[in-house]
Amino acid sequence: MKRSVQQGFTLIELMIVVAIIGILAAVALPAYQDYTKKAKVSEPILALSSCRTTITEKYQTGTEAPGAGGWGCESKTDAKLSKYVKSIKTNADGVVEVIVQGIDKDNLDDKAIYLEPRDADGKAIAVADTLSKDPAVNIQVNQWACGYSVTSVAKFLPGSCNTKFATAPTGFKDADNK
């Protein structure tokens, strides 16, 4: 007697497999795109961090405030700094602003990420308050607040950069960065 052995898959079985793969791809693709954007945001965060040491040293050893744009870590031209960093600016209090570019035109591009020096109590350091002390040296920057003022930026930032600034810090553009 001959046995009939099934060889291969039926059309319905193949359609079910294709549908499952399609559903998995539809779920995985947006998540993958968000992960790549988060990875790209590490470059602007690194640009912020490069200013941290310079500003801390100026506070600890300075006798007068260097003023907005004078802390020594800003971009000197409006030329493109890197693939994902458009500009680096500082205000009179040493708050650093990095403008993002080339990552996500709707949520990140032309938006700002901030790094703000703070004292031991977590209060923002203001040059007028600190450098007017006698002597005006050894001002301690005990912590830094990394954050944003535009909510769409938040989901792409690392967990350590979660401070929500109600508006852009003094000396910078408004919360929509316009």
N, C-alpha and C. Protein backbone atom coordinates (compact mmCIF):
# COMPACT_ATOMS: atom_id res chain seq x y z
N MET A 1 0.81 -1.18 0.00
CA MET A 1 0.00 0.00 0.00
C MET A 1 0.86 1.24 0.00
N LYS A 2 0.40 2.13 -0.77
CA LYS A 2 1.10 3.41 -0.82
C LYS A 2 0.48 4.38 0.17
N ARG A 3 1.37 5.08 0.86
CA ARG A 3 0.88 6.14 1.75
C ARG A 3 1.00 7.46 1.03
N SER A 4 0.02 8.31 1.28
CA SER A 4 0.16 9.66 0.72
C SER A 4 0.75 10.54 1.81
N VAL A 5 1.88 11.12 1.51
CA VAL A 5 2.57 11.98 2.46
C VAL A 5 2.44 13.42 1.99
N GLN A 6 2.07 14.27 2.93
CA GLN A 6 1.93 15.68 2.58
C GLN A 6 3.32 16.28 2.42
N GLN A 7 3.53 16.96 1.34
CA GLN A 7 4.82 17.60 1.09
C GLN A 7 4.58 19.07 0.89
N GLY A 8 5.07 19.91 1.86
CA GLY A 8 4.93 21.35 1.76
C GLY A 8 3.82 21.89 2.64
N PHE A 9 3.57 23.17 2.45
CA PHE A 9 2.58 23.87 3.25
C PHE A 9 1.40 24.25 2.38
N THR A 10 0.28 24.40 3.01
CA THR A 10 -0.89 24.87 2.26
C THR A 10 -0.82 26.38 2.12
N LEU A 11 -1.58 26.89 1.22
CA LEU A 11 -1.61 28.34 0.99
C LEU A 11 -2.06 29.09 2.24
N ILE A 12 -3.00 28.56 2.97
CA ILE A 12 -3.50 29.22 4.19
C ILE A 12 -2.41 29.28 5.24
N GLU A 13 -1.64 28.22 5.40
CA GLU A 13 -0.54 28.21 6.37
C GLU A 13 0.51 29.28 6.02
N LEU A 14 0.84 29.38 4.76
CA LEU A 14 1.80 30.40 4.33
C LEU A 14 1.27 31.82 4.55
N MET A 15 -0.01 32.03 4.30
CA MET A 15 -0.61 33.36 4.51
C MET A 15 -0.60 33.73 5.98
N ILE A 16 -0.84 32.76 6.86
CA ILE A 16 -0.81 33.03 8.30
C ILE A 16 0.59 33.42 8.74
N VAL A 17 1.60 32.73 8.27
CA VAL A 17 2.99 33.05 8.61
C VAL A 17 3.35 34.45 8.12
N VAL A 18 2.98 34.78 6.91
CA VAL A 18 3.26 36.11 6.36
C VAL A 18 2.55 37.19 7.18
N ALA A 19 1.32 36.93 7.58
CA ALA A 19 0.57 37.91 8.39
C ALA A 19 1.23 38.11 9.75
N ILE A 20 1.70 37.04 10.38
CA ILE A 20 2.37 37.17 11.68
C ILE A 20 3.66 37.96 11.54
N ILE A 21 4.43 37.70 10.50
CA ILE A 21 5.67 38.45 10.27
C ILE A 21 5.36 39.92 10.03
N GLY A 22 4.31 40.20 9.29
CA GLY A 22 3.91 41.60 9.04
C GLY A 22 3.53 42.33 10.31
N ILE A 23 2.79 41.67 11.18
CA ILE A 23 2.39 42.29 12.46
C ILE A 23 3.61 42.56 13.32
N LEU A 24 4.51 41.59 13.42
CA LEU A 24 5.73 41.79 14.21
C LEU A 24 6.57 42.94 13.66
N ALA A 25 6.67 43.03 12.34
CA ALA A 25 7.44 44.12 11.74
C ALA A 25 6.78 45.48 12.00
N ALA A 26 5.47 45.52 11.96
CA ALA A 26 4.76 46.79 12.21
C ALA A 26 4.97 47.28 13.64
N VAL A 27 5.13 46.37 14.58
CA VAL A 27 5.37 46.74 15.98
C VAL A 27 6.83 47.07 16.20
N ALA A 28 7.73 46.30 15.61
CA ALA A 28 9.16 46.46 15.87
C ALA A 28 9.76 47.68 15.19
N LEU A 29 9.31 48.04 14.00
CA LEU A 29 9.92 49.14 13.26
C LEU A 29 9.85 50.48 13.99
N PRO A 30 8.69 50.92 14.50
CA PRO A 30 8.67 52.19 15.25
C PRO A 30 9.55 52.16 16.49
N ALA A 31 9.58 51.04 17.19
CA ALA A 31 10.43 50.93 18.38
C ALA A 31 11.89 51.04 17.98
N TYR A 32 12.28 50.42 16.89
CA TYR A 32 13.66 50.49 16.41
C TYR A 32 14.03 51.92 16.04
N GLN A 33 13.11 52.62 15.38
CA GLN A 33 13.38 54.00 14.99
C GLN A 33 13.59 54.89 16.22
N ASP A 34 12.79 54.69 17.27
CA ASP A 34 12.97 55.46 18.50
C ASP A 34 14.32 55.14 19.15
N TYR A 35 14.73 53.89 19.13
CA TYR A 35 16.03 53.52 19.70
C TYR A 35 17.17 54.18 18.95
N THR A 36 17.07 54.26 17.64
CA THR A 36 18.15 54.90 16.87
C THR A 36 18.19 56.40 17.16
N LYS A 37 17.04 57.02 17.34
CA LYS A 37 17.02 58.45 17.67
C LYS A 37 17.62 58.68 19.06
N LYS A 38 17.30 57.82 20.01
CA LYS A 38 17.89 57.94 21.34
C LYS A 38 19.40 57.80 21.29
N ALA A 39 19.89 56.92 20.46
CA ALA A 39 21.33 56.76 20.31
C ALA A 39 21.97 58.00 19.71
N LYS A 40 21.30 58.63 18.76
CA LYS A 40 21.83 59.84 18.13
C LYS A 40 21.84 61.02 19.10
N VAL A 41 20.91 61.05 20.05
CA VAL A 41 20.85 62.14 21.03
C VAL A 41 22.06 62.11 21.96
N SER A 42 22.75 61.00 22.04
CA SER A 42 23.93 60.93 22.90
C SER A 42 25.00 61.92 22.46
N GLU A 43 25.05 62.27 21.19
CA GLU A 43 26.05 63.25 20.73
C GLU A 43 25.76 64.66 21.28
N PRO A 44 24.54 65.18 21.20
CA PRO A 44 24.28 66.47 21.85
C PRO A 44 24.48 66.44 23.36
N ILE A 45 24.17 65.32 24.01
CA ILE A 45 24.39 65.21 25.45
C ILE A 45 25.89 65.28 25.75
N LEU A 46 26.69 64.64 24.94
CA LEU A 46 28.14 64.69 25.10
C LEU A 46 28.66 66.11 24.89
N ALA A 47 28.08 66.83 23.95
CA ALA A 47 28.47 68.23 23.72
C ALA A 47 28.17 69.09 24.95
N LEU A 48 27.03 68.83 25.60
CA LEU A 48 26.70 69.53 26.85
C LEU A 48 27.73 69.22 27.93
N SER A 49 28.06 67.96 28.04
CA SER A 49 28.98 67.52 29.10
C SER A 49 30.37 68.13 28.95
N SER A 50 30.76 68.43 27.72
CA SER A 50 32.09 69.01 27.53
C SER A 50 32.20 70.39 28.17
N CYS A 51 31.09 71.07 28.33
CA CYS A 51 31.09 72.39 28.98
C CYS A 51 31.10 72.30 30.50
N ARG A 52 30.70 71.18 31.03
CA ARG A 52 30.55 71.04 32.48
C ARG A 52 31.85 71.35 33.22
N THR A 53 32.95 70.78 32.79
CA THR A 53 34.23 70.98 33.47
C THR A 53 34.68 72.44 33.38
N THR A 54 34.56 73.02 32.21
CA THR A 54 34.99 74.41 32.01
C THR A 54 34.22 75.36 32.91
N ILE A 55 32.93 75.20 32.97
CA ILE A 55 32.10 76.10 33.78
C ILE A 55 32.36 75.88 35.27
N THR A 56 32.51 74.63 35.69
CA THR A 56 32.82 74.36 37.09
C THR A 56 34.13 75.01 37.49
N GLU A 57 35.16 74.91 36.65
CA GLU A 57 36.45 75.54 36.95
C GLU A 57 36.33 77.06 37.04
N LYS A 58 35.56 77.67 36.15
CA LYS A 58 35.39 79.13 36.18
C LYS A 58 34.70 79.56 37.47
N TYR A 59 33.70 78.79 37.92
CA TYR A 59 33.03 79.13 39.18
C TYR A 59 33.98 78.99 40.36
N GLN A 60 34.80 77.96 40.36
CA GLN A 60 35.67 77.71 41.51
C GLN A 60 36.87 78.64 41.57
N THR A 61 37.32 79.12 40.43
CA THR A 61 38.54 79.92 40.43
C THR A 61 38.33 81.36 39.96
N GLY A 62 37.17 81.68 39.46
CA GLY A 62 36.94 83.00 38.88
C GLY A 62 36.68 84.08 39.90
N THR A 63 37.01 85.28 39.54
CA THR A 63 36.72 86.43 40.39
C THR A 63 35.66 87.32 39.77
N GLU A 64 35.37 87.09 38.52
CA GLU A 64 34.28 87.83 37.88
C GLU A 64 33.61 86.94 36.86
N ALA A 65 32.38 87.24 36.59
CA ALA A 65 31.60 86.42 35.66
C ALA A 65 32.08 86.65 34.23
N PRO A 66 32.25 85.59 33.46
CA PRO A 66 32.69 85.76 32.08
C PRO A 66 31.59 86.28 31.15
N GLY A 67 30.33 86.21 31.56
CA GLY A 67 29.23 86.71 30.74
C GLY A 67 28.73 85.66 29.76
N ALA A 68 27.60 85.96 29.16
CA ALA A 68 27.00 85.04 28.19
C ALA A 68 27.95 84.83 27.03
N GLY A 69 28.15 83.59 26.69
CA GLY A 69 29.03 83.26 25.58
C GLY A 69 30.50 83.34 25.89
N GLY A 70 30.88 83.58 27.14
CA GLY A 70 32.29 83.74 27.49
C GLY A 70 32.85 82.66 28.40
N TRP A 71 32.18 81.55 28.54
CA TRP A 71 32.62 80.50 29.45
C TRP A 71 33.70 79.62 28.85
N GLY A 72 33.90 79.67 27.54
CA GLY A 72 34.99 78.96 26.89
C GLY A 72 34.64 77.63 26.25
N CYS A 73 33.39 77.30 26.13
CA CYS A 73 33.03 76.01 25.51
C CYS A 73 31.98 76.16 24.42
N GLU A 74 31.66 77.37 24.07
CA GLU A 74 30.60 77.62 23.09
C GLU A 74 31.11 77.42 21.66
N SER A 75 30.17 77.27 20.74
CA SER A 75 30.55 77.27 19.33
C SER A 75 30.74 78.71 18.91
N LYS A 76 31.85 79.01 18.28
CA LYS A 76 32.19 80.39 17.93
C LYS A 76 31.53 80.88 16.65
N THR A 77 31.05 79.96 15.84
CA THR A 77 30.41 80.35 14.59
C THR A 77 29.04 79.69 14.52
N ASP A 78 28.28 80.09 13.53
CA ASP A 78 26.99 79.45 13.30
C ASP A 78 27.13 78.24 12.38
N ALA A 79 28.37 77.90 12.04
CA ALA A 79 28.60 76.74 11.19
C ALA A 79 28.18 75.47 11.92
N LYS A 80 27.81 74.49 11.15
CA LYS A 80 27.40 73.20 11.68
C LYS A 80 28.55 72.58 12.48
N LEU A 81 28.32 72.22 13.75
CA LEU A 81 29.36 71.67 14.60
C LEU A 81 29.60 70.19 14.34
N SER A 82 28.54 69.45 14.21
CA SER A 82 28.63 68.02 13.94
C SER A 82 27.33 67.59 13.29
N LYS A 83 27.22 66.33 13.06
CA LYS A 83 26.03 65.83 12.37
C LYS A 83 24.75 66.11 13.16
N TYR A 84 24.82 66.05 14.50
CA TYR A 84 23.62 66.19 15.31
C TYR A 84 23.61 67.41 16.24
N VAL A 85 24.66 68.21 16.23
CA VAL A 85 24.74 69.41 17.07
C VAL A 85 24.83 70.64 16.18
N LYS A 86 23.83 71.50 16.30
CA LYS A 86 23.78 72.71 15.49
C LYS A 86 24.58 73.84 16.15
N SER A 87 24.40 74.02 17.47
CA SER A 87 25.13 75.07 18.18
C SER A 87 25.21 74.77 19.66
N ILE A 88 26.22 75.38 20.29
CA ILE A 88 26.39 75.31 21.75
C ILE A 88 26.51 76.74 22.23
N LYS A 89 25.64 77.13 23.17
CA LYS A 89 25.64 78.49 23.70
C LYS A 89 25.59 78.43 25.22
N THR A 90 26.05 79.51 25.86
CA THR A 90 25.93 79.62 27.32
C THR A 90 25.32 80.97 27.65
N ASN A 91 24.64 81.04 28.79
CA ASN A 91 24.14 82.33 29.25
C ASN A 91 25.05 82.86 30.35
N ALA A 92 24.70 83.98 30.93
CA ALA A 92 25.54 84.62 31.94
C ALA A 92 25.72 83.77 33.19
N ASP A 93 24.78 82.88 33.50
CA ASP A 93 24.85 82.05 34.69
C ASP A 93 25.56 80.72 34.46
N GLY A 94 26.02 80.47 33.23
CA GLY A 94 26.71 79.22 32.93
C GLY A 94 25.80 78.10 32.50
N VAL A 95 24.55 78.40 32.20
CA VAL A 95 23.64 77.38 31.68
C VAL A 95 24.04 77.14 30.21
N VAL A 96 24.14 75.88 29.84
CA VAL A 96 24.55 75.51 28.49
C VAL A 96 23.33 75.08 27.69
N GLU A 97 23.26 75.53 26.44
CA GLU A 97 22.18 75.15 25.54
C GLU A 97 22.79 74.52 24.29
N VAL A 98 22.31 73.34 23.94
CA VAL A 98 22.70 72.69 22.70
C VAL A 98 21.45 72.59 21.83
N ILE A 99 21.58 73.03 20.57
CA ILE A 99 20.49 72.92 19.62
C ILE A 99 20.75 71.66 18.78
N VAL A 100 19.75 70.80 18.69
CA VAL A 100 19.84 69.52 18.00
C VAL A 100 19.48 69.69 16.53
N GLN A 101 20.11 68.90 15.68
CA GLN A 101 19.77 68.91 14.26
C GLN A 101 19.97 67.52 13.67
N GLY A 102 19.25 67.23 12.60
CA GLY A 102 19.47 66.02 11.83
C GLY A 102 19.03 64.72 12.44
N ILE A 103 18.17 64.74 13.45
CA ILE A 103 17.73 63.49 14.08
C ILE A 103 16.26 63.21 13.77
N ASP A 104 15.38 64.16 14.10
CA ASP A 104 13.94 63.97 13.90
C ASP A 104 13.34 65.35 13.70
N LYS A 105 12.93 65.64 12.48
CA LYS A 105 12.47 67.00 12.16
C LYS A 105 11.24 67.43 12.94
N ASP A 106 10.41 66.49 13.38
CA ASP A 106 9.20 66.86 14.10
C ASP A 106 9.42 67.05 15.60
N ASN A 107 10.23 66.20 16.21
CA ASN A 107 10.34 66.20 17.67
C ASN A 107 11.64 66.76 18.22
N LEU A 108 12.74 66.69 17.47
CA LEU A 108 14.03 67.06 18.02
C LEU A 108 14.75 68.19 17.30
N ASP A 109 14.72 68.20 15.99
CA ASP A 109 15.50 69.17 15.24
C ASP A 109 15.11 70.61 15.60
N ASP A 110 16.13 71.43 15.80
CA ASP A 110 16.00 72.84 16.19
C ASP A 110 15.39 73.02 17.58
N LYS A 111 15.41 71.98 18.39
CA LYS A 111 14.98 72.07 19.79
C LYS A 111 16.23 72.08 20.67
N ALA A 112 16.07 72.55 21.89
CA ALA A 112 17.22 72.72 22.79
C ALA A 112 17.22 71.70 23.92
N ILE A 113 18.44 71.35 24.34
CA ILE A 113 18.67 70.57 25.56
C ILE A 113 19.56 71.45 26.42
N TYR A 114 19.27 71.52 27.72
CA TYR A 114 19.99 72.43 28.63
C TYR A 114 20.75 71.67 29.71
N LEU A 115 21.82 72.29 30.18
CA LEU A 115 22.57 71.79 31.32
C LEU A 115 22.80 72.98 32.25
N GLU A 116 22.25 72.90 33.46
CA GLU A 116 22.25 74.03 34.39
C GLU A 116 23.05 73.71 35.65
N PRO A 117 24.02 74.57 36.03
CA PRO A 117 24.76 74.34 37.27
C PRO A 117 23.89 74.65 38.49
N ARG A 118 24.02 73.80 39.51
CA ARG A 118 23.21 73.98 40.73
C ARG A 118 24.07 73.82 41.97
N ASP A 119 23.59 74.42 43.07
CA ASP A 119 24.32 74.33 44.34
C ASP A 119 23.93 73.06 45.09
N ALA A 120 24.41 72.93 46.31
CA ALA A 120 24.17 71.72 47.10
C ALA A 120 22.69 71.50 47.40
N ASP A 121 21.90 72.57 47.42
CA ASP A 121 20.47 72.46 47.70
C ASP A 121 19.65 72.19 46.44
N GLY A 122 20.30 72.11 45.28
CA GLY A 122 19.59 71.89 44.03
C GLY A 122 19.04 73.14 43.40
N LYS A 123 19.44 74.30 43.93
CA LYS A 123 18.97 75.58 43.40
C LYS A 123 19.91 76.04 42.28
N ALA A 124 19.35 76.58 41.23
CA ALA A 124 20.16 77.08 40.11
C ALA A 124 21.12 78.16 40.62
N ILE A 125 22.36 78.08 40.17
CA ILE A 125 23.35 79.07 40.58
C ILE A 125 23.20 80.29 39.70
N ALA A 126 23.09 81.45 40.32
CA ALA A 126 23.01 82.71 39.60
C ALA A 126 24.30 83.49 39.84
N VAL A 127 24.91 83.93 38.77
CA VAL A 127 26.18 84.65 38.87
C VAL A 127 26.06 85.86 39.77
N ALA A 128 24.98 86.58 39.67
CA ALA A 128 24.80 87.79 40.48
C ALA A 128 24.85 87.47 41.97
N ASP A 129 24.34 86.31 42.36
CA ASP A 129 24.33 85.92 43.77
C ASP A 129 25.68 85.41 44.24
N THR A 130 26.39 84.68 43.39
CA THR A 130 27.59 84.00 43.84
C THR A 130 28.85 84.82 43.71
N LEU A 131 29.05 85.46 42.58
CA LEU A 131 30.30 86.17 42.37
C LEU A 131 30.34 87.52 43.07
N SER A 132 29.23 87.90 43.67
CA SER A 132 29.23 89.15 44.44
C SER A 132 29.70 88.90 45.88
N LYS A 133 29.86 87.62 46.24
CA LYS A 133 30.33 87.29 47.58
C LYS A 133 31.80 87.64 47.71
N ASP A 134 32.25 87.82 48.92
CA ASP A 134 33.65 88.16 49.15
C ASP A 134 34.31 87.05 49.96
N PRO A 135 35.27 86.32 49.47
CA PRO A 135 35.82 86.42 48.12
C PRO A 135 34.92 85.69 47.12
N ALA A 136 35.05 86.04 45.88
CA ALA A 136 34.20 85.48 44.84
C ALA A 136 34.84 84.25 44.19
N VAL A 137 35.54 83.47 44.97
CA VAL A 137 36.14 82.24 44.45
C VAL A 137 35.62 81.07 45.26
N ASN A 138 35.91 79.90 44.81
CA ASN A 138 35.48 78.67 45.46
C ASN A 138 33.97 78.52 45.53
N ILE A 139 33.29 78.98 44.51
CA ILE A 139 31.85 78.73 44.40
C ILE A 139 31.71 77.29 43.94
N GLN A 140 31.01 76.49 44.69
CA GLN A 140 30.89 75.07 44.38
C GLN A 140 29.67 74.78 43.51
N VAL A 141 29.92 74.11 42.40
CA VAL A 141 28.84 73.57 41.59
C VAL A 141 28.71 72.11 42.05
N ASN A 142 27.67 71.83 42.80
CA ASN A 142 27.51 70.51 43.40
C ASN A 142 26.75 69.53 42.52
N GLN A 143 25.91 70.04 41.65
CA GLN A 143 25.14 69.17 40.78
C GLN A 143 24.78 69.90 39.50
N TRP A 144 24.36 69.14 38.52
CA TRP A 144 23.96 69.70 37.24
C TRP A 144 22.57 69.17 36.90
N ALA A 145 21.73 70.05 36.38
CA ALA A 145 20.39 69.63 35.93
C ALA A 145 20.40 69.62 34.41
N CYS A 146 20.14 68.47 33.84
CA CYS A 146 20.05 68.32 32.40
C CYS A 146 18.58 68.22 32.06
N GLY A 147 18.15 68.94 31.03
CA GLY A 147 16.73 68.87 30.71
C GLY A 147 16.34 69.57 29.43
N TYR A 148 15.08 69.90 29.36
CA TYR A 148 14.44 70.38 28.14
C TYR A 148 13.32 71.34 28.51
N SER A 149 12.86 72.12 27.53
CA SER A 149 11.69 72.95 27.76
C SER A 149 10.56 72.60 26.80
N VAL A 150 10.86 71.81 25.78
CA VAL A 150 9.85 71.36 24.82
C VAL A 150 9.60 69.88 25.08
N THR A 151 8.38 69.52 25.42
CA THR A 151 8.04 68.17 25.86
C THR A 151 8.36 67.09 24.84
N SER A 152 8.29 67.38 23.55
CA SER A 152 8.55 66.34 22.54
C SER A 152 9.97 65.80 22.60
N VAL A 153 10.87 66.54 23.22
CA VAL A 153 12.27 66.12 23.33
C VAL A 153 12.44 65.06 24.42
N ALA A 154 11.59 65.07 25.42
CA ALA A 154 11.76 64.27 26.63
C ALA A 154 11.93 62.77 26.38
N LYS A 155 11.16 62.20 25.50
CA LYS A 155 11.19 60.74 25.34
C LYS A 155 12.47 60.23 24.70
N PHE A 156 13.28 61.13 24.14
CA PHE A 156 14.53 60.72 23.49
C PHE A 156 15.75 60.94 24.37
N LEU A 157 15.56 61.58 25.52
CA LEU A 157 16.68 61.87 26.41
C LEU A 157 16.95 60.71 27.35
N PRO A 158 18.21 60.59 27.80
CA PRO A 158 18.50 59.53 28.78
C PRO A 158 17.83 59.83 30.11
N GLY A 159 17.73 58.84 30.98
CA GLY A 159 17.06 58.98 32.27
C GLY A 159 17.69 60.04 33.15
N SER A 160 18.98 60.28 33.00
CA SER A 160 19.67 61.28 33.83
C SER A 160 19.41 62.70 33.35
N CYS A 161 18.74 62.85 32.25
CA CYS A 161 18.47 64.18 31.68
C CYS A 161 16.96 64.38 31.63
N ASN A 162 16.36 64.57 32.80
CA ASN A 162 14.90 64.56 32.88
C ASN A 162 14.30 65.81 33.51
N THR A 163 15.05 66.89 33.63
CA THR A 163 14.52 68.11 34.23
C THR A 163 13.65 68.84 33.23
N LYS A 164 12.44 69.15 33.62
CA LYS A 164 11.53 69.92 32.76
C LYS A 164 11.63 71.39 33.15
N PHE A 165 12.22 72.20 32.27
CA PHE A 165 12.28 73.64 32.48
C PHE A 165 10.97 74.22 31.95
N ALA A 166 10.30 75.02 32.77
CA ALA A 166 9.01 75.59 32.35
C ALA A 166 9.18 76.45 31.10
N THR A 167 10.23 77.21 31.07
CA THR A 167 10.59 78.00 29.90
C THR A 167 12.09 77.86 29.70
N ALA A 168 12.55 78.33 28.59
CA ALA A 168 14.00 78.30 28.34
C ALA A 168 14.68 79.14 29.41
N PRO A 169 15.85 78.72 29.90
CA PRO A 169 16.56 79.52 30.90
C PRO A 169 16.87 80.93 30.39
N THR A 170 17.10 81.85 31.31
CA THR A 170 17.37 83.24 30.97
C THR A 170 18.47 83.35 29.93
N GLY A 171 18.23 84.18 28.93
CA GLY A 171 19.22 84.42 27.89
C GLY A 171 19.04 83.56 26.66
N PHE A 172 18.10 82.61 26.70
CA PHE A 172 17.85 81.75 25.56
C PHE A 172 16.47 82.02 25.01
N LYS A 173 16.18 81.44 23.86
CA LYS A 173 14.88 81.64 23.21
C LYS A 173 13.78 80.97 24.02
N ASP A 174 12.54 81.23 23.64
CA ASP A 174 11.42 80.67 24.39
C ASP A 174 11.35 79.15 24.26
N ALA A 175 10.39 78.56 24.93
CA ALA A 175 10.28 77.10 25.03
C ALA A 175 10.13 76.41 23.67
N ASP A 176 9.59 77.10 22.68
CA ASP A 176 9.47 76.51 21.36
C ASP A 176 10.69 76.76 20.50
N ASN A 177 11.67 77.44 21.10
CA ASN A 177 12.95 77.71 20.45
C ASN A 177 12.79 78.52 19.16
N LYS A 178 11.89 79.49 19.22
CA LYS A 178 11.66 80.35 18.04
C LYS A 178 12.19 81.73 18.31
